[in-house]
Amino acid sequence: KPYGTAARVNIGQVLVSIRTKDDKIEIACEALRCAKAKFAGRMKVHVSNKFGLTRFTKEDYQKWKDMGRLIPDGLTAKWLSSRGPLSRIIGKEPTDED
């Protein structure tokens, strides 16, 4: 008789997601590699190029945040589109410091 229930997951579904600083990525990958043994089946450790758990890359996140188009909202970031009152986005153009 089965004891309890198991989660049903699809192929390619994310099981564990963590955020860490850039200098701790190797340690986090090693910890997830060891944790793979606790799950049935084959697992992959993937290092994302996104900023935190947002949908923006690290470069885009910094660029949009400097322009005032992103508002950090705890775990994610709130995107301010170009629609709406102009007073919200006037004077928020990016500066070229390259």
C-alpha atoms as a PDB file:
ATOM      1  CA  LYS A   1       0.000   0.000   0.000  1.00  0.00           C
ATOM      2  CA  PRO A   2       1.461   3.395  -0.961  1.00  0.00           C
ATOM      3  CA  TYR A   3       2.343   5.708   1.866  1.00  0.00           C
ATOM      4  CA  GLY A   4       1.374   9.322   1.061  1.00  0.00           C
ATOM      5  CA  THR A   5       1.299  10.944  -2.349  1.00  0.00           C
ATOM      6  CA  ALA A   6       3.963  12.100  -4.737  1.00  0.00           C
ATOM      7  CA  ALA A   7       4.129  15.310  -6.751  1.00  0.00           C
ATOM      8  CA  ARG A   8       3.445  15.022 -10.459  1.00  0.00           C
ATOM      9  CA  VAL A   9       5.955  17.006 -12.465  1.00  0.00           C
ATOM     10  CA  ASN A  10       6.446  17.478 -16.175  1.00  0.00           C
ATOM     11  CA  ILE A  11       9.662  17.117 -18.146  1.00  0.00           C
ATOM     12  CA  GLY A  12      11.581  20.387 -17.988  1.00  0.00           C
ATOM     13  CA  GLN A  13       9.616  21.738 -15.015  1.00  0.00           C
ATOM     14  CA  VAL A  14      11.563  23.757 -12.451  1.00  0.00           C
ATOM     15  CA  LEU A  15      11.667  21.948  -9.102  1.00  0.00           C
ATOM     16  CA  VAL A  16      13.959  24.168  -7.033  1.00  0.00           C
ATOM     17  CA  SER A  17      14.842  27.814  -7.648  1.00  0.00           C
ATOM     18  CA  ILE A  18      17.237  29.828  -5.485  1.00  0.00           C
ATOM     19  CA  ARG A  19      18.689  33.343  -5.506  1.00  0.00           C
ATOM     20  CA  THR A  20      22.250  34.010  -4.474  1.00  0.00           C
ATOM     21  CA  LYS A  21      25.001  36.567  -4.904  1.00  0.00           C
ATOM     22  CA  ASP A  22      27.282  36.252  -7.919  1.00  0.00           C
ATOM     23  CA  ASP A  23      30.285  35.196  -5.836  1.00  0.00           C
ATOM     24  CA  LYS A  24      28.339  32.281  -4.287  1.00  0.00           C
ATOM     25  CA  ILE A  25      27.119  30.688  -7.544  1.00  0.00           C
ATOM     26  CA  GLU A  26      29.634  27.816  -7.442  1.00  0.00           C
ATOM     27  CA  ILE A  27      28.651  26.925  -3.861  1.00  0.00           C
ATOM     28  CA  ALA A  28      24.942  26.990  -4.744  1.00  0.00           C
ATOM     29  CA  CYS A  29      25.507  24.786  -7.804  1.00  0.00           C
ATOM     30  CA  GLU A  30      27.378  22.262  -5.688  1.00  0.00           C
ATOM     31  CA  ALA A  31      24.579  22.239  -3.094  1.00  0.00           C
ATOM     32  CA  LEU A  32      21.963  21.647  -5.789  1.00  0.00           C
ATOM     33  CA  ARG A  33      24.113  18.933  -7.349  1.00  0.00           C
ATOM     34  CA  CYS A  34      24.160  17.109  -4.001  1.00  0.00           C
ATOM     35  CA  ALA A  35      20.405  17.653  -3.590  1.00  0.00           C
ATOM     36  CA  LYS A  36      19.737  15.945  -6.943  1.00  0.00           C
ATOM     37  CA  ALA A  37      20.292  12.599  -5.239  1.00  0.00           C
ATOM     38  CA  LYS A  38      17.177  13.150  -3.111  1.00  0.00           C
ATOM     39  CA  PHE A  39      14.902  13.288  -6.170  1.00  0.00           C
ATOM     40  CA  ALA A  40      14.007  10.421  -8.446  1.00  0.00           C
ATOM     41  CA  GLY A  41      15.038  10.718 -12.087  1.00  0.00           C
ATOM     42  CA  ARG A  42      17.583  12.910 -13.811  1.00  0.00           C
ATOM     43  CA  MET A  43      17.977  16.537 -12.834  1.00  0.00           C
ATOM     44  CA  LYS A  44      19.898  19.439 -14.341  1.00  0.00           C
ATOM     45  CA  VAL A  45      21.331  22.466 -12.561  1.00  0.00           C
ATOM     46  CA  HIS A  46      20.801  25.576 -14.663  1.00  0.00           C
ATOM     47  CA  VAL A  47      22.345  28.980 -13.913  1.00  0.00           C
ATOM     48  CA  SER A  48      20.060  31.677 -15.266  1.00  0.00           C
ATOM     49  CA  ASN A  49      21.172  35.002 -16.694  1.00  0.00           C
ATOM     50  CA  LYS A  50      18.111  36.707 -15.214  1.00  0.00           C
ATOM     51  CA  PHE A  51      18.251  39.106 -12.265  1.00  0.00           C
ATOM     52  CA  GLY A  52      16.873  37.314  -9.207  1.00  0.00           C
ATOM     53  CA  LEU A  53      13.516  35.741  -9.964  1.00  0.00           C
ATOM     54  CA  THR A  54      12.476  38.478 -12.406  1.00  0.00           C
ATOM     55  CA  ARG A  55      12.019  38.205 -16.173  1.00  0.00           C
ATOM     56  CA  PHE A  56      14.784  40.748 -16.897  1.00  0.00           C
ATOM     57  CA  THR A  57      18.458  40.081 -17.598  1.00  0.00           C
ATOM     58  CA  LYS A  58      20.974  41.638 -15.231  1.00  0.00           C
ATOM     59  CA  GLU A  59      21.969  44.341 -17.731  1.00  0.00           C
ATOM     60  CA  ASP A  60      18.368  45.192 -18.626  1.00  0.00           C
ATOM     61  CA  TYR A  61      17.349  45.284 -14.975  1.00  0.00           C
ATOM     62  CA  GLN A  62      20.020  47.843 -14.126  1.00  0.00           C
ATOM     63  CA  LYS A  63      19.280  49.898 -17.260  1.00  0.00           C
ATOM     64  CA  TRP A  64      15.519  50.021 -16.647  1.00  0.00           C
ATOM     65  CA  LYS A  65      15.985  50.685 -12.925  1.00  0.00           C
ATOM     66  CA  ASP A  66      18.284  53.642 -13.645  1.00  0.00           C
ATOM     67  CA  MET A  67      15.662  55.012 -16.044  1.00  0.00           C
ATOM     68  CA  GLY A  68      12.992  54.685 -13.364  1.00  0.00           C
ATOM     69  CA  ARG A  69      10.961  52.156 -15.372  1.00  0.00           C
ATOM     70  CA  LEU A  70      11.351  49.359 -12.799  1.00  0.00           C
ATOM     71  CA  ILE A  71      10.237  49.447  -9.212  1.00  0.00           C
ATOM     72  CA  PRO A  72      11.707  46.686  -7.003  1.00  0.00           C
ATOM     73  CA  ASP A  73       8.767  44.876  -5.443  1.00  0.00           C
ATOM     74  CA  GLY A  74      10.310  42.444  -2.993  1.00  0.00           C
ATOM     75  CA  LEU A  75      10.747  39.203  -4.904  1.00  0.00           C
ATOM     76  CA  THR A  76      10.036  40.593  -8.376  1.00  0.00           C
ATOM     77  CA  ALA A  77      10.052  43.996 -10.047  1.00  0.00           C
ATOM     78  CA  LYS A  78       7.108  46.083 -11.214  1.00  0.00           C
ATOM     79  CA  TRP A  79       7.442  47.246 -14.849  1.00  0.00           C
ATOM     80  CA  LEU A  80       6.229  50.730 -15.727  1.00  0.00           C
ATOM     81  CA  SER A  81       5.218  50.817 -19.381  1.00  0.00           C
ATOM     82  CA  SER A  82       5.445  53.898 -21.582  1.00  0.00           C
ATOM     83  CA  ARG A  83       1.683  54.349 -21.332  1.00  0.00           C
ATOM     84  CA  GLY A  84       0.146  56.556 -18.715  1.00  0.00           C
ATOM     85  CA  PRO A  85       0.958  60.053 -17.470  1.00  0.00           C
ATOM     86  CA  LEU A  86       4.039  61.595 -19.070  1.00  0.00           C
ATOM     87  CA  SER A  87       5.134  63.090 -15.760  1.00  0.00           C
ATOM     88  CA  ARG A  88       6.104  59.591 -14.676  1.00  0.00           C
ATOM     89  CA  ILE A  89       8.733  59.095 -17.399  1.00  0.00           C
ATOM     90  CA  ILE A  90       9.865  62.617 -18.426  1.00  0.00           C
ATOM     91  CA  GLY A  91      13.470  63.259 -17.461  1.00  0.00           C
ATOM     92  CA  LYS A  92      14.228  59.580 -16.932  1.00  0.00           C
ATOM     93  CA  GLU A  93      16.286  58.999 -20.100  1.00  0.00           C
ATOM     94  CA  PRO A  94      19.344  56.719 -19.786  1.00  0.00           C
ATOM     95  CA  THR A  95      22.765  58.302 -19.566  1.00  0.00           C
ATOM     96  CA  ASP A  96      25.566  56.999 -21.785  1.00  0.00           C
ATOM     97  CA  GLU A  97      28.554  56.513 -19.507  1.00  0.00           C
ATOM     98  CA  ASP A  98      30.326  53.978 -21.744  1.00  0.00           C
END
